[in-house]
Amino acid sequence: MQFSDEGLTTDQKALVQSVRALCAKYPESYWRQTDADGAYPEAFINALTEGGFLSALIPEQYGGLGLGVMEGGLILEEINRSGGNAGACHAQMYIMGTVLRHGSPEQKEAYLPEIATGKMRLQAFGVTEPDAGSDTTSISTRAERKGTKYIVNGRKVFISRVMESDLMLLLCRTTPKEKCAKRTDGLSVLLVDLRRAKGNGLDVRPLDLMVNHHSNELTFENLEVPTENLIGEEGAGFKYILSSMNAERILVASDSIGDGRYFVEKSVNYANERKVFGKPIGQNQGVQYPIARAYAAVEAARLMRDKAAQMFDAGQNPGEQANLAKFLGAEAAWQAANVCMDTHGGYGYAVEYNVERKFRESRLYMIAPVTNNLVLSYIGQNVLGLPRS
């Protein structure tokens, strides 16, 4: 089966077809081997960069495609729908928002053209800490200003793609929490040149996790970062990060929608081909109905993603819609993953069928980059007007 592209413009359909053609050169056997080796999909990322797809959100004046979040989402969706893993590169798209909105003209001129051509990679996002978790305002990584440098000390955890990136956006505390009027004050964003930082104040320890996202624990010990690498104003970093959250939610929802479509297609194809007791298993309502429910959930999530992306690209603030898209996308993908596993039975556990790899990958978005329970808290408090939980 093939999902409909109804509702997309002619240009968007052409974009999807271009990404699909590129992905066809990297079949599931490529991703299966990459996963087995714990390797970074270097060849695929290079091809994606050369095709201009990773520069989708960079304005044309800096060498990018100058497209919107909607188009960025379609790119990521198609990668996952094809059986790939957009998590290897998706951060570059949503990190971009902080630089585009709040970076200085000099910073944009220095970095964006290099990122657009692939000479530099910005795919690492240093926010999460071992003792803060989802409570971002409680991070303790400290950046103390001394002359023309910031001296950074602290720890981060679950920071992906550090070894594969040239640059990292780092959220750190520049004013002690006790000296701030509000919890969200005193946080700043630094653009860290990882090529110089690794081994010179930054220690990177890879983590052995269930999914192949190349995540690490970072330790900063007197890392020097030039003050010219400060994004925007000192102390306003939390606001800058928040301003990129809607784009992040929409793009991660797109990952999940791609996963959901992958699982539904996989389930339908197998249910039509696999015969037991002389008939295709898809003829059984116990197999057919769960697949149909999964399809309905994925398509509903896609519609919410489309609405959120269209609002974002129109300059609106779709906090509710972006969070709902992320929530519905993750839930739908996980539902479809379980349906696909049930449809394949024991073969779902066989590595060669690729279901178990995608099953593991899709589960991540139930808890990352924000757990779905916190999305519900956001909706309860900010949309429904309930007390802060």
Protein backbone atom coordinates (compact mmCIF):
# COMPACT_ATOMS: atom_id res chain seq x y z
CA MET A 1 0.00 0.00 0.00
CA GLN A 2 0.98 3.64 -0.37
CA PHE A 3 -0.29 6.47 1.82
CA SER A 4 -2.04 9.34 0.10
CA ASP A 5 -0.25 12.66 -0.38
CA GLU A 6 -3.57 14.49 -0.62
CA GLY A 7 -3.37 18.01 0.74
CA LEU A 8 0.22 18.60 -0.32
CA THR A 9 1.16 21.22 -2.88
CA THR A 10 2.82 20.26 -6.15
CA ASP A 11 6.19 21.41 -4.79
CA GLN A 12 5.72 19.47 -1.57
CA LYS A 13 4.84 16.31 -3.49
CA ALA A 14 7.98 16.77 -5.60
CA LEU A 15 10.03 17.22 -2.42
CA VAL A 16 8.66 13.99 -0.94
CA GLN A 17 9.40 12.11 -4.16
CA SER A 18 12.97 13.43 -4.19
CA VAL A 19 13.56 12.30 -0.60
CA ARG A 20 11.95 8.94 -1.39
CA ALA A 21 14.28 8.44 -4.34
CA LEU A 22 17.32 9.22 -2.19
CA CYS A 23 16.14 6.89 0.58
CA ALA A 24 15.68 4.07 -1.93
CA LYS A 25 19.46 4.04 -2.34
CA TYR A 26 19.77 3.19 1.35
CA PRO A 27 17.50 0.17 1.86
CA GLU A 28 16.63 -1.38 5.19
CA SER A 29 19.64 -3.67 4.95
CA TYR A 30 21.81 -0.52 5.21
CA TRP A 31 20.03 0.64 8.37
CA ARG A 32 20.04 -2.86 9.83
CA GLN A 33 23.80 -3.10 9.43
CA THR A 34 24.32 0.42 10.76
CA ASP A 35 22.29 -0.49 13.83
CA ALA A 36 24.13 -3.77 14.33
CA ASP A 37 27.49 -2.01 14.11
CA GLY A 38 26.41 0.89 16.32
CA ALA A 39 27.66 3.09 13.49
CA TYR A 40 26.67 6.56 12.38
CA PRO A 41 24.93 6.55 8.94
CA GLU A 42 27.65 8.71 7.45
CA ALA A 43 26.98 7.90 3.80
CA PHE A 44 23.27 8.64 4.13
CA ILE A 45 23.81 11.91 6.00
CA ASN A 46 26.32 13.04 3.39
CA ALA A 47 23.86 12.25 0.59
CA LEU A 48 21.07 14.05 2.45
CA THR A 49 23.31 17.09 2.88
CA GLU A 50 24.46 17.09 -0.74
CA GLY A 51 20.82 16.95 -1.81
CA GLY A 52 20.20 20.12 0.17
CA PHE A 53 17.62 18.48 2.41
CA LEU A 54 19.38 19.18 5.72
CA SER A 55 19.57 22.86 4.81
CA ALA A 56 15.82 23.02 4.20
CA LEU A 57 15.18 25.65 6.88
CA ILE A 58 18.25 27.79 6.15
CA PRO A 59 17.34 30.93 4.13
CA GLU A 60 18.43 30.99 0.51
CA GLN A 61 20.75 33.96 1.17
CA TYR A 62 22.89 31.61 3.27
CA GLY A 63 22.80 28.74 0.76
CA GLY A 64 19.80 26.85 2.11
CA LEU A 65 16.50 25.90 0.51
CA GLY A 66 14.56 28.53 2.45
CA LEU A 67 11.63 26.20 3.14
CA GLY A 68 9.28 26.02 6.09
CA VAL A 69 8.84 23.67 9.02
CA MET A 70 6.12 21.89 7.05
CA GLU A 71 8.63 20.91 4.37
CA GLY A 72 11.23 20.03 7.00
CA GLY A 73 8.69 17.72 8.59
CA LEU A 74 7.91 16.04 5.28
CA ILE A 75 11.61 15.30 4.78
CA LEU A 76 11.96 13.66 8.21
CA GLU A 77 8.67 11.81 7.82
CA GLU A 78 9.75 10.28 4.53
CA ILE A 79 13.09 9.15 5.94
CA ASN A 80 11.36 7.21 8.71
CA ARG A 81 8.59 5.94 6.45
CA SER A 82 11.24 4.46 4.16
CA GLY A 83 12.68 2.42 7.04
CA GLY A 84 15.48 4.84 7.92
CA ASN A 85 16.12 6.79 11.09
CA ALA A 86 15.87 10.58 10.88
CA GLY A 87 17.07 10.81 14.48
CA ALA A 88 20.60 10.74 13.10
CA CYS A 89 20.15 14.27 11.76
CA HIS A 90 16.81 15.82 12.73
CA ALA A 91 18.28 18.02 15.48
CA GLN A 92 20.04 20.15 12.87
CA MET A 93 16.63 21.37 11.71
CA TYR A 94 15.20 22.36 15.07
CA ILE A 95 18.48 23.71 16.47
CA MET A 96 18.55 26.01 13.47
CA GLY A 97 15.66 28.05 14.83
CA THR A 98 17.66 29.41 17.77
CA VAL A 99 20.46 30.61 15.49
CA LEU A 100 18.10 31.99 12.85
CA ARG A 101 15.95 33.92 15.30
CA HIS A 102 18.49 35.05 17.86
CA GLY A 103 21.95 34.78 16.31
CA SER A 104 23.82 37.92 15.29
CA PRO A 105 24.33 38.78 11.61
CA GLU A 106 28.02 37.91 12.07
CA GLN A 107 27.19 34.50 13.52
CA LYS A 108 24.77 33.73 10.71
CA GLU A 109 27.30 34.74 8.06
CA ALA A 110 30.03 32.70 9.73
CA TYR A 111 28.11 29.46 10.27
CA LEU A 112 24.96 29.10 8.16
CA PRO A 113 26.63 28.87 4.71
CA GLU A 114 29.09 26.30 6.08
CA ILE A 115 26.25 24.27 7.59
CA ALA A 116 24.24 24.48 4.37
CA THR A 117 27.09 23.02 2.32
CA GLY A 118 27.89 20.35 4.91
CA LYS A 119 31.33 21.72 5.71
CA MET A 120 30.04 22.07 9.27
CA ARG A 121 27.46 20.04 11.17
CA LEU A 122 25.24 21.48 13.87
CA GLN A 123 23.45 18.41 15.21
CA ALA A 124 24.22 18.43 18.96
CA PHE A 125 21.96 20.13 21.50
CA GLY A 126 23.31 20.34 25.06
CA VAL A 127 20.39 20.84 27.45
CA THR A 128 19.59 17.77 29.59
CA GLU A 129 21.49 17.18 32.84
CA PRO A 130 21.67 14.15 35.18
CA ASP A 131 20.12 15.95 38.16
CA ALA A 132 17.68 18.24 36.35
CA GLY A 133 15.94 15.99 33.84
CA SER A 134 12.85 17.72 32.46
CA ASP A 135 13.25 20.60 34.95
CA THR A 136 15.37 22.67 32.58
CA THR A 137 15.40 25.74 34.84
CA SER A 138 17.32 23.69 37.44
CA ILE A 139 20.35 22.97 35.26
CA SER A 140 23.63 23.68 37.02
CA THR A 141 26.22 23.69 34.22
CA ARG A 142 27.88 27.04 34.83
CA ALA A 143 29.45 29.49 32.36
CA GLU A 144 31.42 32.21 34.13
CA ARG A 145 32.45 35.20 32.09
CA LYS A 146 36.13 36.14 32.33
CA GLY A 147 37.25 38.82 29.92
CA THR A 148 36.57 37.67 26.37
CA LYS A 149 35.79 34.07 27.34
CA TYR A 150 33.24 32.01 29.19
CA ILE A 151 34.63 29.27 31.45
CA VAL A 152 32.22 26.33 31.43
CA ASN A 153 31.97 23.66 34.13
CA GLY A 154 29.32 21.00 34.65
CA ARG A 155 27.71 17.91 33.16
CA LYS A 156 25.17 17.00 30.50
CA VAL A 157 23.62 13.63 29.67
CA PHE A 158 21.77 12.03 26.73
CA ILE A 159 23.38 14.51 24.33
CA SER A 160 23.34 12.91 20.90
CA ARG A 161 25.66 13.25 17.90
CA VAL A 162 28.43 15.11 19.74
CA MET A 163 31.15 13.05 18.06
CA GLU A 164 29.53 13.56 14.65
CA SER A 165 29.02 17.31 14.97
CA ASP A 166 31.30 20.31 14.57
CA LEU A 167 29.08 22.64 16.58
CA MET A 168 26.81 22.29 19.61
CA LEU A 169 24.22 24.61 21.09
CA LEU A 170 24.77 24.62 24.85
CA LEU A 171 22.31 25.88 27.46
CA CYS A 172 24.11 26.86 30.65
CA ARG A 173 23.70 29.04 33.70
CA THR A 174 25.48 32.41 33.59
CA THR A 175 23.86 33.82 36.75
CA PRO A 176 23.43 31.71 39.92
CA LYS A 177 19.82 30.65 40.43
CA GLU A 178 19.58 32.26 43.86
CA LYS A 179 20.41 35.65 42.32
CA CYS A 180 17.64 35.47 39.71
CA ALA A 181 14.21 37.05 40.10
CA LYS A 182 12.58 34.25 38.11
CA ARG A 183 13.40 30.56 37.64
CA THR A 184 13.81 31.11 33.92
CA ASP A 185 16.34 33.94 34.30
CA GLY A 186 20.11 33.56 34.19
CA LEU A 187 20.34 30.92 31.48
CA SER A 188 22.32 31.56 28.29
CA VAL A 189 22.96 29.80 25.00
CA LEU A 190 26.51 29.32 23.73
CA LEU A 191 27.59 27.99 20.36
CA VAL A 192 30.41 25.57 21.17
CA ASP A 193 33.01 24.66 18.53
CA LEU A 194 33.34 20.95 19.26
CA ARG A 195 36.41 20.61 17.04
CA ARG A 196 38.36 22.64 19.60
CA ALA A 197 36.45 21.65 22.72
CA LYS A 198 36.87 17.86 22.61
CA GLY A 199 39.82 17.00 24.81
CA ASN A 200 40.33 20.65 25.77
CA GLY A 201 37.87 21.02 28.60
CA LEU A 202 35.16 18.74 27.20
CA ASP A 203 35.15 15.01 27.92
CA VAL A 204 32.71 12.88 25.91
CA ARG A 205 31.62 9.47 27.21
CA PRO A 206 29.39 7.43 24.85
CA LEU A 207 26.31 5.80 26.40
CA ASP A 208 25.16 2.28 25.55
CA LEU A 209 21.43 2.73 24.90
CA MET A 210 18.57 0.78 23.38
CA VAL A 211 18.49 2.94 20.25
CA ASN A 212 21.34 4.01 17.99
CA HIS A 213 21.26 7.80 18.50
CA HIS A 214 24.93 8.14 19.49
CA SER A 215 24.09 9.70 22.85
CA ASN A 216 26.74 10.75 25.32
CA GLU A 217 27.45 12.04 28.79
CA LEU A 218 29.46 15.28 28.70
CA THR A 219 31.75 16.65 31.37
CA PHE A 220 32.91 20.27 31.14
CA GLU A 221 36.02 21.20 33.08
CA ASN A 222 37.14 24.79 32.52
CA LEU A 223 36.10 24.72 28.87
CA GLU A 224 36.82 28.08 27.24
CA VAL A 225 34.18 29.50 24.88
CA PRO A 226 34.67 32.94 23.26
CA THR A 227 32.08 35.50 24.37
CA GLU A 228 31.40 36.19 20.70
CA ASN A 229 29.76 32.72 20.62
CA LEU A 230 26.97 33.88 22.92
CA ILE A 231 23.63 33.63 21.11
CA GLY A 232 21.52 36.74 21.74
CA GLU A 233 21.55 38.32 25.20
CA GLU A 234 23.14 36.83 28.28
CA GLY A 235 20.49 35.46 30.64
CA ALA A 236 17.75 35.17 28.01
CA GLY A 237 18.66 31.67 26.84
CA PHE A 238 15.64 29.87 28.27
CA LYS A 239 13.35 32.10 26.21
CA TYR A 240 15.42 31.36 23.10
CA ILE A 241 15.22 27.63 23.66
CA LEU A 242 11.47 27.83 24.24
CA SER A 243 11.02 29.72 20.99
CA SER A 244 12.39 26.68 19.16
CA MET A 245 10.27 24.16 21.05
CA ASN A 246 7.25 24.42 18.75
CA ALA A 247 9.43 23.64 15.72
CA GLU A 248 11.03 20.76 17.63
CA ARG A 249 7.63 19.32 18.56
CA ILE A 250 6.41 19.53 14.95
CA LEU A 251 9.55 17.94 13.51
CA VAL A 252 9.65 15.13 16.08
CA ALA A 253 5.95 14.51 15.41
CA SER A 254 6.98 14.08 11.77
CA ASP A 255 9.52 11.42 12.79
CA SER A 256 6.73 9.55 14.57
CA ILE A 257 4.26 9.91 11.71
CA GLY A 258 6.88 8.46 9.38
CA ASP A 259 7.35 5.55 11.79
CA GLY A 260 3.58 5.06 12.03
CA ARG A 261 3.18 4.98 8.27
CA TYR A 262 6.08 2.52 8.02
CA PHE A 263 4.46 0.13 10.50
CA VAL A 264 1.03 0.32 8.89
CA GLU A 265 2.47 -0.33 5.41
CA LYS A 266 4.57 -3.18 6.77
CA SER A 267 1.56 -4.69 8.54
CA VAL A 268 -0.72 -4.45 5.50
CA ASN A 269 1.84 -6.01 3.17
CA TYR A 270 2.60 -8.87 5.54
CA ALA A 271 -1.09 -9.48 6.35
CA ASN A 272 -1.82 -9.78 2.62
CA GLU A 273 1.12 -12.10 1.91
CA ARG A 274 1.20 -14.36 4.96
CA LYS A 275 -1.16 -17.34 4.69
CA VAL A 276 -2.22 -19.53 7.59
CA PHE A 277 -4.91 -22.23 7.30
CA GLY A 278 -5.03 -21.52 3.58
CA LYS A 279 -5.97 -17.84 3.73
CA PRO A 280 -4.20 -14.50 4.22
CA ILE A 281 -4.08 -13.55 7.88
CA GLY A 282 -5.39 -10.07 6.95
CA GLN A 283 -8.78 -11.71 6.32
CA ASN A 284 -9.09 -12.26 10.06
CA GLN A 285 -10.81 -9.40 11.84
CA GLY A 286 -8.46 -9.87 14.81
CA VAL A 287 -5.60 -8.87 12.49
CA GLN A 288 -7.45 -6.43 10.24
CA TYR A 289 -9.12 -4.20 12.82
CA PRO A 290 -5.98 -3.29 14.81
CA ILE A 291 -4.21 -2.29 11.59
CA ALA A 292 -7.17 -0.14 10.58
CA ARG A 293 -7.21 1.53 14.02
CA ALA A 294 -3.48 2.21 13.77
CA TYR A 295 -3.98 3.75 10.33
CA ALA A 296 -6.72 6.02 11.71
CA ALA A 297 -4.49 7.17 14.59
CA VAL A 298 -1.51 7.91 12.31
CA GLU A 299 -3.63 9.90 9.86
CA ALA A 300 -5.23 11.92 12.66
CA ALA A 301 -1.76 12.75 14.01
CA ARG A 302 -0.66 13.78 10.53
CA LEU A 303 -3.54 16.24 10.25
CA MET A 304 -2.59 17.83 13.58
CA ARG A 305 1.05 18.02 12.46
CA ASP A 306 -0.01 19.71 9.24
CA LYS A 307 -2.11 22.25 11.13
CA ALA A 308 0.69 23.03 13.59
CA ALA A 309 3.26 23.39 10.79
CA GLN A 310 1.03 25.64 8.72
CA MET A 311 0.41 27.90 11.74
CA PHE A 312 4.12 28.00 12.57
CA ASP A 313 5.09 28.89 9.01
CA ALA A 314 2.44 31.62 9.02
CA GLY A 315 4.20 33.26 11.96
CA GLN A 316 1.69 32.18 14.59
CA ASN A 317 2.48 30.59 17.97
CA PRO A 318 0.97 27.07 17.79
CA GLY A 319 1.92 25.91 21.29
CA GLU A 320 -1.22 23.80 21.69
CA GLN A 321 -1.13 22.35 18.18
CA ALA A 322 2.62 21.58 18.21
CA ASN A 323 2.37 19.79 21.54
CA LEU A 324 -0.71 17.86 20.44
CA ALA A 325 1.05 16.86 17.22
CA LYS A 326 4.01 15.52 19.19
CA PHE A 327 1.73 13.68 21.62
CA LEU A 328 -0.58 12.18 18.99
CA GLY A 329 2.31 11.30 16.68
CA ALA A 330 4.25 9.43 19.37
CA GLU A 331 1.13 7.61 20.60
CA ALA A 332 0.07 6.65 17.07
CA ALA A 333 3.54 5.40 16.12
CA TRP A 334 3.79 3.26 19.25
CA GLN A 335 0.30 1.87 18.65
CA ALA A 336 1.25 1.02 15.06
CA ALA A 337 4.54 -0.51 16.22
CA ASN A 338 2.74 -2.91 18.53
CA VAL A 339 0.21 -3.77 15.83
CA CYS A 340 3.04 -4.49 13.41
CA MET A 341 4.75 -6.71 15.96
CA ASP A 342 1.50 -8.59 16.61
CA THR A 343 0.85 -8.98 12.88
CA HIS A 344 4.28 -10.50 12.28
CA GLY A 345 4.13 -12.72 15.35
CA GLY A 346 7.45 -14.43 16.01
CA TYR A 347 8.93 -13.00 12.82
CA GLY A 348 8.60 -9.54 14.33
CA TYR A 349 11.50 -10.47 16.62
CA ALA A 350 13.67 -11.58 13.70
CA VAL A 351 16.26 -8.93 12.87
CA GLU A 352 15.99 -9.58 9.15
CA TYR A 353 12.37 -8.40 9.13
CA ASN A 354 13.44 -4.98 10.48
CA VAL A 355 10.37 -4.64 12.71
CA GLU A 356 12.25 -4.97 16.01
CA ARG A 357 14.69 -2.19 15.10
CA LYS A 358 11.96 0.26 14.21
CA PHE A 359 9.95 -0.92 17.23
CA ARG A 360 12.80 0.17 19.51
CA GLU A 361 13.28 3.46 17.70
CA SER A 362 9.62 4.47 17.78
CA ARG A 363 9.33 3.97 21.55
CA LEU A 364 11.80 6.78 22.21
CA TYR A 365 9.37 9.53 21.26
CA MET A 366 6.95 8.59 24.03
CA ILE A 367 9.51 10.10 26.43
CA ALA A 368 11.75 12.34 24.31
CA PRO A 369 12.48 15.12 23.67
CA VAL A 370 9.69 15.67 26.19
CA THR A 371 7.67 12.94 27.87
CA ASN A 372 4.06 12.74 26.79
CA ASN A 373 2.98 13.17 30.41
CA LEU A 374 4.51 16.67 30.40
CA VAL A 375 2.64 17.42 27.19
CA LEU A 376 -0.57 16.49 29.01
CA SER A 377 0.46 18.81 31.86
CA TYR A 378 0.98 21.60 29.34
CA ILE A 379 -2.45 21.01 27.80
CA GLY A 380 -4.12 20.77 31.21
CA GLN A 381 -2.61 23.98 32.51
CA ASN A 382 -2.24 26.18 29.44
CA VAL A 383 -5.17 25.06 27.29
CA LEU A 384 -7.79 23.75 29.71
CA GLY A 385 -7.08 26.19 32.52
CA LEU A 386 -6.53 23.56 35.19
CA PRO A 387 -4.26 24.17 38.22
CA ARG A 388 -0.54 23.68 37.73
CA SER A 389 0.16 20.00 38.37
